[in-house]
Amino acid sequence: MQKLEIKGGRKISGTIIISGSKNATLPILASTILANKKVTIKNIPLVKDVLTMAELLSTMGSIVRFDKKKKKIEIINKKSLKTFAPYHLLKTMRAGVLVLGPLLAKYRIAKVSLPGGCAIGSRPINFHLDALKKMGAKIKIKDGYIFASAKKGLKGCTIKFPKISVGATENILIAACFAKGETKLKNCASEPEINDLIIFLKKLGCKIKKIGKRNINILGIKELKSITHNVIFDRIEAGTYIIAAALTKGKLKIKNINPKIMLTEINLLKKMGVNIIIKKNYIIVSRSKKLKSINISTQPYPGFPTDLQAQIMVLMTKAEGVSTIKEGIFENRFMHVSELRRMGAQIEIKGNKAKIFGKSKLNGAELMATDLRASVCLVLAGLTSFNKTVVNRIYHLDRGYENLEYKLSNCGAQIKRLQ
């Protein structure tokens, strides 16, 4: 199994080009099930989850042409697709369940494996299933699979999500595009990645209207156009590299982004004492002064993202005084803490709250990654620690970060992949 070896104490300085967003690409790929004409998607991140989703579509019968050099995917559905999404492709990737909505809407039947992905809490898919039932689907779960059918097709209706859920919003939004009549979704997630999905679907010809921050109205249609779409940048990757520069007192130019989308994170890091110069499509990050402690809670967008919680925790270990994090999205999302403690971090956990004592001296150690964002936080800790750090199980990292060690070593890090 591959691992990363990091020798800490080097400044991260230079230029990093941010990749396309994994979390925007996956629902967009799933929604191509609805299309019969050629769809071209550009600025695709070359990460494991995206390759898995492309393989899933291919297995189901889509013609998938992946140009890795140009980072673009062309998809054509010439014939009817298989309506089966097998376990071996969904076991590592939660977003695989996003094929359920479009399969059911178009083919009126689907058998989809219950999803795998990161082991961070239960992340229930009952919001997806309850909404599809309301639209007329019959659903049963047997042998680890979701069996769904809607003999007369899905019908538009009003759905209020009991809790803000990114995945459920995406799945039902896509399904509603081919449902009969109008679907009104209330209490939706409003992440930039969902907005990108809406832009993509509207280009295809779907009739979607956003009402305020959290409501979406969709009028079902039957036919879609051939289009090209550029995926939005990965704001979590951008946030990760801002923190890398701040941790190591480097100077980093972070390109190919829209800073307006991540003002919550930028303003919070500025409060901690990180210097960030904002331009139209790039930022320049540096740190000259001491870091201040801060209290944050993770929330749905536009709040502070749970996907940056582990990374900012590493930065808090270097701040003056005591910082706190309240994890408001997932339970069980402090799995990285035990590994950070092994490096010398002083962190106390009580339920969904973490107390981080600053000015900790981190020492390199052999570590184990538990999930995607936890694995990158251990890399960040390694960059700022004394001596050598080895991070095991980095297949988690490859699910969501494109060329991480290449991007970091280009900016002065001593980091290499070991087989």
Protein backbone atom coordinates (compact mmCIF):
# COMPACT_ATOMS: atom_id res chain seq x y z
CA MET A 1 0.00 0.00 0.00
CA GLN A 2 1.33 3.43 -0.93
CA LYS A 3 2.38 6.01 1.64
CA LEU A 4 3.73 9.55 1.70
CA GLU A 5 6.98 10.53 3.35
CA ILE A 6 7.32 14.18 4.41
CA LYS A 7 10.34 15.94 5.83
CA GLY A 8 9.03 19.01 7.65
CA GLY A 9 10.35 22.50 8.25
CA ARG A 10 10.35 23.85 4.69
CA LYS A 11 8.42 26.93 3.56
CA ILE A 12 5.71 26.34 0.97
CA SER A 13 6.27 29.13 -1.56
CA GLY A 14 5.49 29.48 -5.26
CA THR A 15 2.38 29.08 -7.43
CA ILE A 16 -0.31 26.42 -7.26
CA ILE A 17 -3.03 26.00 -9.89
CA ILE A 18 -6.24 24.72 -8.31
CA SER A 19 -7.99 21.79 -10.00
CA GLY A 20 -11.66 21.44 -10.86
CA SER A 21 -13.98 20.49 -8.02
CA LYS A 22 -14.50 16.79 -7.32
CA ASN A 23 -17.74 17.60 -5.48
CA ALA A 24 -19.10 19.46 -8.51
CA THR A 25 -17.88 16.94 -11.11
CA LEU A 26 -19.52 13.87 -9.52
CA PRO A 27 -23.18 15.05 -9.60
CA ILE A 28 -22.64 16.54 -13.07
CA LEU A 29 -21.35 13.16 -14.32
CA ALA A 30 -24.31 11.38 -12.70
CA SER A 31 -26.76 13.76 -14.38
CA THR A 32 -25.42 12.92 -17.87
CA ILE A 33 -27.52 9.72 -17.58
CA LEU A 34 -30.48 11.92 -18.61
CA ALA A 35 -28.82 13.05 -21.87
CA ASN A 36 -28.90 11.30 -25.26
CA LYS A 37 -26.69 13.79 -27.12
CA LYS A 38 -22.96 14.39 -26.63
CA VAL A 39 -22.01 16.17 -23.40
CA THR A 40 -18.49 17.57 -22.89
CA ILE A 41 -17.22 18.41 -19.41
CA LYS A 42 -13.95 20.31 -18.96
CA ASN A 43 -11.66 21.21 -16.02
CA ILE A 44 -12.17 17.70 -14.62
CA PRO A 45 -9.95 16.83 -11.61
CA LEU A 46 -7.99 13.62 -12.15
CA VAL A 47 -8.86 12.06 -8.80
CA LYS A 48 -9.94 8.53 -7.92
CA ASP A 49 -13.61 9.34 -7.23
CA VAL A 50 -14.00 10.94 -10.67
CA LEU A 51 -12.31 7.99 -12.40
CA THR A 52 -14.63 5.63 -10.46
CA MET A 53 -17.74 7.59 -11.51
CA ALA A 54 -16.57 7.57 -15.16
CA GLU A 55 -16.06 3.80 -14.87
CA LEU A 56 -19.54 3.41 -13.37
CA LEU A 57 -21.14 5.28 -16.31
CA SER A 58 -19.10 3.19 -18.73
CA THR A 59 -20.19 -0.05 -17.01
CA MET A 60 -23.80 1.09 -17.35
CA GLY A 61 -23.37 1.58 -21.10
CA SER A 62 -22.41 5.23 -21.62
CA ILE A 63 -19.67 5.89 -24.19
CA VAL A 64 -17.10 7.73 -22.06
CA ARG A 65 -14.11 9.37 -23.71
CA PHE A 66 -11.67 10.63 -21.11
CA ASP A 67 -8.88 12.94 -22.32
CA LYS A 68 -6.67 13.09 -19.26
CA LYS A 69 -4.19 15.49 -20.84
CA LYS A 70 -6.89 18.07 -21.58
CA LYS A 71 -8.82 17.13 -18.42
CA LYS A 72 -12.07 16.68 -20.28
CA ILE A 73 -14.70 13.96 -20.54
CA GLU A 74 -17.08 13.39 -23.44
CA ILE A 75 -20.15 11.28 -22.77
CA ILE A 76 -22.62 9.93 -25.32
CA ASN A 77 -25.59 7.70 -24.47
CA LYS A 78 -26.52 6.10 -27.80
CA LYS A 79 -28.57 3.25 -26.40
CA SER A 80 -30.52 2.57 -23.23
CA LEU A 81 -28.28 2.20 -20.19
CA LYS A 82 -28.17 -0.69 -17.74
CA THR A 83 -29.96 0.43 -14.58
CA PHE A 84 -27.60 -1.39 -12.20
CA ALA A 85 -24.84 0.29 -10.14
CA PRO A 86 -22.72 -2.46 -8.53
CA TYR A 87 -21.17 -2.51 -5.06
CA HIS A 88 -17.57 -2.86 -6.28
CA LEU A 89 -17.80 0.63 -7.83
CA LEU A 90 -19.76 2.32 -5.06
CA LYS A 91 -17.89 0.92 -2.08
CA THR A 92 -15.21 3.64 -2.14
CA MET A 93 -17.36 6.52 -3.35
CA ARG A 94 -20.45 7.89 -1.62
CA ALA A 95 -21.47 9.98 -4.62
CA GLY A 96 -22.26 6.82 -6.59
CA VAL A 97 -25.76 6.94 -5.09
CA LEU A 98 -26.36 10.07 -7.22
CA VAL A 99 -27.09 7.81 -10.21
CA LEU A 100 -30.28 6.64 -8.45
CA GLY A 101 -32.32 9.79 -9.18
CA PRO A 102 -31.51 10.06 -12.90
CA LEU A 103 -31.89 6.29 -13.53
CA LEU A 104 -35.29 6.27 -11.88
CA ALA A 105 -36.43 9.44 -13.66
CA LYS A 106 -35.38 8.22 -17.11
CA TYR A 107 -35.77 4.43 -17.00
CA ARG A 108 -38.31 4.10 -14.16
CA ILE A 109 -36.22 1.39 -12.49
CA ALA A 110 -32.86 1.16 -10.72
CA LYS A 111 -30.79 -1.18 -8.58
CA VAL A 112 -28.06 0.80 -6.83
CA SER A 113 -25.63 -0.37 -4.16
CA LEU A 114 -25.75 1.40 -0.81
CA PRO A 115 -22.74 3.74 -0.83
CA GLY A 116 -19.33 3.53 0.87
CA GLY A 117 -16.82 6.43 0.93
CA CYS A 118 -15.34 8.02 4.06
CA ALA A 119 -16.15 6.53 7.44
CA ILE A 120 -17.36 9.84 8.89
CA GLY A 121 -20.65 9.25 10.59
CA SER A 122 -23.82 7.70 9.25
CA ARG A 123 -24.56 10.24 6.46
CA PRO A 124 -27.99 8.73 5.93
CA ILE A 125 -29.44 8.45 2.45
CA ASN A 126 -33.00 8.27 3.80
CA PHE A 127 -33.56 11.91 2.70
CA HIS A 128 -32.90 10.79 -0.91
CA LEU A 129 -35.20 7.77 -0.59
CA ASP A 130 -38.05 9.56 1.22
CA ALA A 131 -38.10 12.29 -1.44
CA LEU A 132 -38.15 9.74 -4.30
CA LYS A 133 -41.01 7.88 -2.57
CA LYS A 134 -42.94 11.15 -2.41
CA MET A 135 -42.39 11.46 -6.18
CA GLY A 136 -44.04 8.06 -6.65
CA ALA A 137 -41.18 5.58 -6.38
CA LYS A 138 -41.45 2.22 -4.69
CA ILE A 139 -38.25 1.44 -2.81
CA LYS A 140 -36.94 -1.53 -0.87
CA ILE A 141 -33.49 -2.26 0.52
CA LYS A 142 -32.22 -5.81 0.28
CA ASP A 143 -28.74 -7.42 0.40
CA GLY A 144 -27.01 -4.02 0.52
CA TYR A 145 -28.83 -2.72 -2.57
CA ILE A 146 -31.56 -0.14 -3.16
CA PHE A 147 -34.27 -1.56 -5.45
CA ALA A 148 -36.34 1.32 -6.83
CA SER A 149 -39.13 1.49 -9.38
CA ALA A 150 -41.63 4.08 -10.62
CA LYS A 151 -43.76 2.27 -13.22
CA LYS A 152 -45.57 5.43 -14.30
CA GLY A 153 -42.51 7.65 -13.98
CA LEU A 154 -41.70 10.17 -11.24
CA LYS A 155 -44.27 12.88 -10.50
CA GLY A 156 -43.48 16.44 -9.48
CA CYS A 157 -44.48 17.45 -5.96
CA THR A 158 -43.34 19.65 -3.06
CA ILE A 159 -40.46 18.25 -1.00
CA LYS A 160 -39.09 19.86 2.12
CA PHE A 161 -35.81 18.29 3.23
CA PRO A 162 -35.86 17.72 7.02
CA LYS A 163 -32.21 18.77 7.18
CA ILE A 164 -29.92 20.51 4.71
CA SER A 165 -28.26 17.75 2.67
CA VAL A 166 -25.97 18.30 -0.31
CA GLY A 167 -26.36 14.78 -1.73
CA ALA A 168 -30.15 14.68 -1.37
CA THR A 169 -30.52 18.13 -2.96
CA GLU A 170 -28.41 16.98 -5.95
CA ASN A 171 -30.12 13.61 -6.41
CA ILE A 172 -33.67 14.97 -6.30
CA LEU A 173 -32.81 18.06 -8.36
CA ILE A 174 -31.50 15.82 -11.17
CA ALA A 175 -34.46 13.41 -10.91
CA ALA A 176 -36.99 16.27 -10.98
CA CYS A 177 -35.69 17.40 -14.39
CA PHE A 178 -37.41 14.35 -15.94
CA ALA A 179 -40.39 14.11 -13.56
CA LYS A 180 -43.92 14.94 -14.75
CA GLY A 181 -44.96 18.49 -13.89
CA GLU A 182 -43.38 20.81 -11.34
CA THR A 183 -41.24 19.85 -8.36
CA LYS A 184 -40.68 22.36 -5.56
CA LEU A 185 -37.68 21.66 -3.35
CA LYS A 186 -37.46 23.46 -0.01
CA ASN A 187 -34.64 23.71 2.56
CA CYS A 188 -32.06 22.80 -0.11
CA ALA A 189 -28.29 22.94 0.28
CA SER A 190 -26.84 26.03 -1.45
CA GLU A 191 -23.20 24.97 -1.94
CA PRO A 192 -21.36 26.46 -4.96
CA GLU A 193 -21.09 22.91 -6.33
CA ILE A 194 -24.90 22.66 -6.42
CA ASN A 195 -25.03 26.01 -8.19
CA ASP A 196 -22.59 24.61 -10.77
CA LEU A 197 -24.87 21.58 -11.24
CA ILE A 198 -27.84 23.93 -11.79
CA ILE A 199 -25.85 25.93 -14.40
CA PHE A 200 -24.97 22.64 -16.15
CA LEU A 201 -28.57 21.34 -16.12
CA LYS A 202 -29.95 24.67 -17.38
CA LYS A 203 -27.46 24.57 -20.28
CA LEU A 204 -28.84 21.11 -21.14
CA GLY A 205 -32.29 22.71 -21.34
CA CYS A 206 -33.69 21.88 -17.89
CA LYS A 207 -36.16 24.38 -16.47
CA ILE A 208 -34.84 25.30 -13.02
CA LYS A 209 -35.51 28.38 -10.95
CA LYS A 210 -33.86 29.24 -7.66
CA ILE A 211 -36.24 30.93 -5.22
CA GLY A 212 -34.28 32.75 -2.53
CA LYS A 213 -31.35 30.95 -0.84
CA ARG A 214 -32.77 27.50 -0.17
CA ASN A 215 -35.70 26.79 -2.51
CA ILE A 216 -35.55 25.41 -6.05
CA ASN A 217 -38.43 24.93 -8.53
CA ILE A 218 -38.01 22.46 -11.42
CA LEU A 219 -40.35 21.90 -14.35
CA GLY A 220 -39.94 18.43 -15.87
CA ILE A 221 -38.89 18.12 -19.54
CA LYS A 222 -38.21 15.21 -21.92
CA GLU A 223 -35.40 16.21 -24.27
CA LEU A 224 -31.88 17.59 -23.64
CA LYS A 225 -29.32 19.45 -25.79
CA SER A 226 -25.66 18.73 -26.56
CA ILE A 227 -23.45 21.06 -24.49
CA THR A 228 -19.98 21.83 -23.13
CA HIS A 229 -19.40 22.83 -19.50
CA ASN A 230 -16.40 23.94 -17.43
CA VAL A 231 -16.47 22.61 -13.87
CA ILE A 232 -16.05 25.11 -11.02
CA PHE A 233 -12.73 25.16 -9.07
CA ASP A 234 -12.19 23.09 -5.91
CA ARG A 235 -12.63 25.48 -2.98
CA ILE A 236 -11.55 22.80 -0.48
CA GLU A 237 -8.29 22.23 -2.32
CA ALA A 238 -7.73 26.01 -2.41
CA GLY A 239 -8.41 26.27 1.35
CA THR A 240 -6.00 23.41 2.03
CA TYR A 241 -3.14 25.19 0.23
CA ILE A 242 -3.89 28.53 1.92
CA ILE A 243 -3.43 26.71 5.24
CA ALA A 244 -0.20 25.04 3.97
CA ALA A 245 1.31 28.46 3.21
CA ALA A 246 0.15 29.91 6.55
CA LEU A 247 1.52 26.93 8.52
CA THR A 248 4.98 27.07 6.97
CA LYS A 249 5.25 30.91 6.73
CA GLY A 250 5.60 30.58 2.98
CA LYS A 251 4.27 32.82 0.21
CA LEU A 252 1.85 31.19 -2.20
CA LYS A 253 -0.01 32.38 -5.27
CA ILE A 254 -3.17 30.29 -5.63
CA LYS A 255 -4.60 30.47 -9.17
CA ASN A 256 -7.69 29.38 -11.11
CA ILE A 257 -10.19 30.27 -8.36
CA ASN A 258 -13.06 32.65 -7.67
CA PRO A 259 -12.28 34.12 -4.21
CA LYS A 260 -15.86 35.43 -3.82
CA ILE A 261 -17.05 31.84 -3.36
CA MET A 262 -14.81 31.27 -0.34
CA LEU A 263 -15.03 34.56 1.55
CA THR A 264 -16.08 32.80 4.79
CA GLU A 265 -12.83 30.80 4.86
CA ILE A 266 -10.67 33.72 3.68
CA ASN A 267 -12.06 36.12 6.30
CA LEU A 268 -11.66 33.57 9.07
CA LEU A 269 -8.03 32.91 8.15
CA LYS A 270 -7.40 36.66 7.98
CA LYS A 271 -8.76 36.94 11.53
CA MET A 272 -6.21 34.33 12.60
CA GLY A 273 -3.41 36.52 11.22
CA VAL A 274 -2.91 35.10 7.72
CA ASN A 275 -2.22 37.73 5.03
CA ILE A 276 -4.40 37.19 1.96
CA ILE A 277 -4.40 39.53 -1.04
CA ILE A 278 -7.55 38.97 -3.11
CA LYS A 279 -7.54 39.42 -6.90
CA LYS A 280 -10.18 38.47 -9.48
CA ASN A 281 -9.12 34.86 -10.11
CA TYR A 282 -6.21 34.32 -7.73
CA ILE A 283 -5.03 35.12 -4.22
CA ILE A 284 -1.61 35.63 -2.63
CA VAL A 285 -1.13 34.11 0.82
CA SER A 286 1.64 34.83 3.33
CA ARG A 287 2.13 35.11 7.07
CA SER A 288 4.42 37.46 8.93
CA LYS A 289 2.83 37.72 12.35
CA LYS A 290 1.81 35.32 15.09
CA LEU A 291 -1.39 33.36 14.63
CA LYS A 292 -4.35 34.21 16.84
CA SER A 293 -6.67 31.58 18.32
CA ILE A 294 -10.23 31.45 17.03
CA ASN A 295 -13.54 29.67 17.67
CA ILE A 296 -15.39 28.18 14.70
CA SER A 297 -18.33 25.91 14.00
CA THR A 298 -18.76 24.02 10.73
CA GLN A 299 -22.04 24.68 8.94
CA PRO A 300 -23.71 24.27 5.55
CA TYR A 301 -22.62 26.85 2.95
CA PRO A 302 -22.12 29.81 3.31
CA GLY A 303 -20.79 28.73 6.74
CA PHE A 304 -17.32 27.29 7.39
CA PRO A 305 -17.03 23.96 5.49
CA THR A 306 -16.72 20.69 7.38
CA ASP A 307 -14.30 19.59 4.64
CA LEU A 308 -11.72 22.14 5.92
CA GLN A 309 -12.19 21.36 9.60
CA ALA A 310 -9.28 18.90 9.92
CA GLN A 311 -6.91 21.24 8.04
CA ILE A 312 -7.67 24.34 10.11
CA MET A 313 -7.21 22.30 13.28
CA VAL A 314 -3.54 21.85 12.37
CA LEU A 315 -3.20 25.63 11.98
CA MET A 316 -4.83 26.11 15.41
CA THR A 317 -2.08 24.00 17.03
CA LYS A 318 0.31 26.82 16.05
CA ALA A 319 -1.84 29.74 17.25
CA GLU A 320 -1.48 31.69 20.51
CA GLY A 321 -3.96 30.52 23.13
CA VAL A 322 -6.86 28.07 22.91
CA SER A 323 -9.09 27.58 19.84
CA THR A 324 -12.34 25.62 19.59
CA ILE A 325 -14.16 23.80 16.78
CA LYS A 326 -17.78 22.71 16.90
CA GLU A 327 -18.49 20.12 14.20
CA GLY A 328 -22.03 20.90 13.09
CA ILE A 329 -22.35 18.60 10.04
CA PHE A 330 -21.04 15.09 10.72
CA GLU A 331 -20.61 13.04 13.85
CA ASN A 332 -17.37 11.05 14.08
CA ARG A 333 -15.36 13.67 12.19
CA PHE A 334 -12.50 14.00 14.67
CA MET A 335 -10.79 10.75 13.67
CA HIS A 336 -7.58 12.65 12.81
CA VAL A 337 -7.19 13.92 16.39
CA SER A 338 -5.61 10.74 17.79
CA GLU A 339 -2.95 10.90 15.05
CA LEU A 340 -2.26 14.63 15.66
CA ARG A 341 -1.89 13.85 19.37
CA ARG A 342 0.75 11.28 18.52
CA MET A 343 2.70 14.13 16.92
CA GLY A 344 2.46 16.20 20.10
CA ALA A 345 -0.71 18.23 19.51
CA GLN A 346 -2.75 19.04 22.62
CA ILE A 347 -6.40 18.56 21.71
CA GLU A 348 -9.38 17.71 23.90
CA ILE A 349 -12.59 16.23 22.44
CA LYS A 350 -16.01 16.35 24.05
CA GLY A 351 -18.85 15.16 21.84
CA ASN A 352 -18.84 17.30 18.69
CA LYS A 353 -16.53 19.94 20.17
CA ALA A 354 -12.74 20.10 20.03
CA LYS A 355 -10.48 22.30 22.16
CA ILE A 356 -7.09 22.96 20.57
CA PHE A 357 -4.24 24.28 22.69
CA GLY A 358 -1.90 26.43 20.63
CA LYS A 359 1.88 26.74 20.33
CA SER A 360 2.33 22.98 20.13
CA LYS A 361 5.60 21.66 18.79
CA LEU A 362 4.74 18.87 16.35
CA ASN A 363 7.12 15.96 15.88
CA GLY A 364 7.15 13.66 12.86
CA ALA A 365 5.66 10.20 13.30
CA GLU A 366 4.27 7.26 11.36
CA LEU A 367 0.57 8.00 10.86
CA MET A 368 -2.59 6.39 9.51
CA ALA A 369 -5.12 8.26 7.35
CA THR A 370 -8.77 7.48 8.14
CA ASP A 371 -10.61 9.57 5.54
CA LEU A 372 -10.02 12.02 2.71
CA ARG A 373 -9.73 15.32 4.64
CA ALA A 374 -8.07 13.69 7.67
CA SER A 375 -5.34 12.35 5.40
CA VAL A 376 -4.51 15.82 4.05
CA CYS A 377 -4.46 17.31 7.54
CA LEU A 378 -1.76 14.78 8.47
CA VAL A 379 0.25 15.88 5.43
CA LEU A 380 -0.08 19.51 6.59
CA ALA A 381 1.04 18.51 10.08
CA GLY A 382 4.02 16.73 8.51
CA LEU A 383 5.01 19.91 6.61
CA THR A 384 5.29 21.87 9.84
CA SER A 385 6.79 19.15 12.06
CA PHE A 386 10.35 18.41 13.02
CA ASN A 387 11.97 15.40 11.32
CA LYS A 388 10.18 12.82 9.19
CA THR A 389 6.47 11.96 8.93
CA VAL A 390 5.03 8.96 7.08
CA VAL A 391 1.32 8.94 6.21
CA ASN A 392 -0.13 5.49 5.48
CA ARG A 393 -3.36 4.60 3.62
CA ILE A 394 -3.12 7.53 1.22
CA TYR A 395 -5.66 5.99 -1.15
CA HIS A 396 -8.05 8.23 0.83
CA LEU A 397 -6.04 11.24 -0.33
CA ASP A 398 -6.09 10.15 -3.98
CA ARG A 399 -9.89 10.14 -3.89
CA GLY A 400 -9.98 13.94 -3.72
CA TYR A 401 -6.61 15.63 -4.28
CA GLU A 402 -5.03 15.83 -7.72
CA ASN A 403 -1.21 15.61 -7.78
CA LEU A 404 -0.87 16.71 -4.17
CA GLU A 405 2.78 15.76 -3.69
CA TYR A 406 3.70 17.19 -7.10
CA LYS A 407 2.03 20.54 -6.33
CA LEU A 408 3.66 20.73 -2.89
CA SER A 409 7.16 19.65 -3.94
CA ASN A 410 7.06 22.26 -6.72
CA CYS A 411 6.65 24.82 -3.94
CA GLY A 412 9.54 23.63 -1.79
CA ALA A 413 8.12 20.73 0.22
CA GLN A 414 10.18 17.60 0.75
CA ILE A 415 7.51 15.02 0.06
CA LYS A 416 7.57 11.73 -1.85
CA ARG A 417 5.36 8.74 -2.48
CA LEU A 418 6.62 5.37 -1.31
CA GLN A 419 5.27 2.13 -2.80
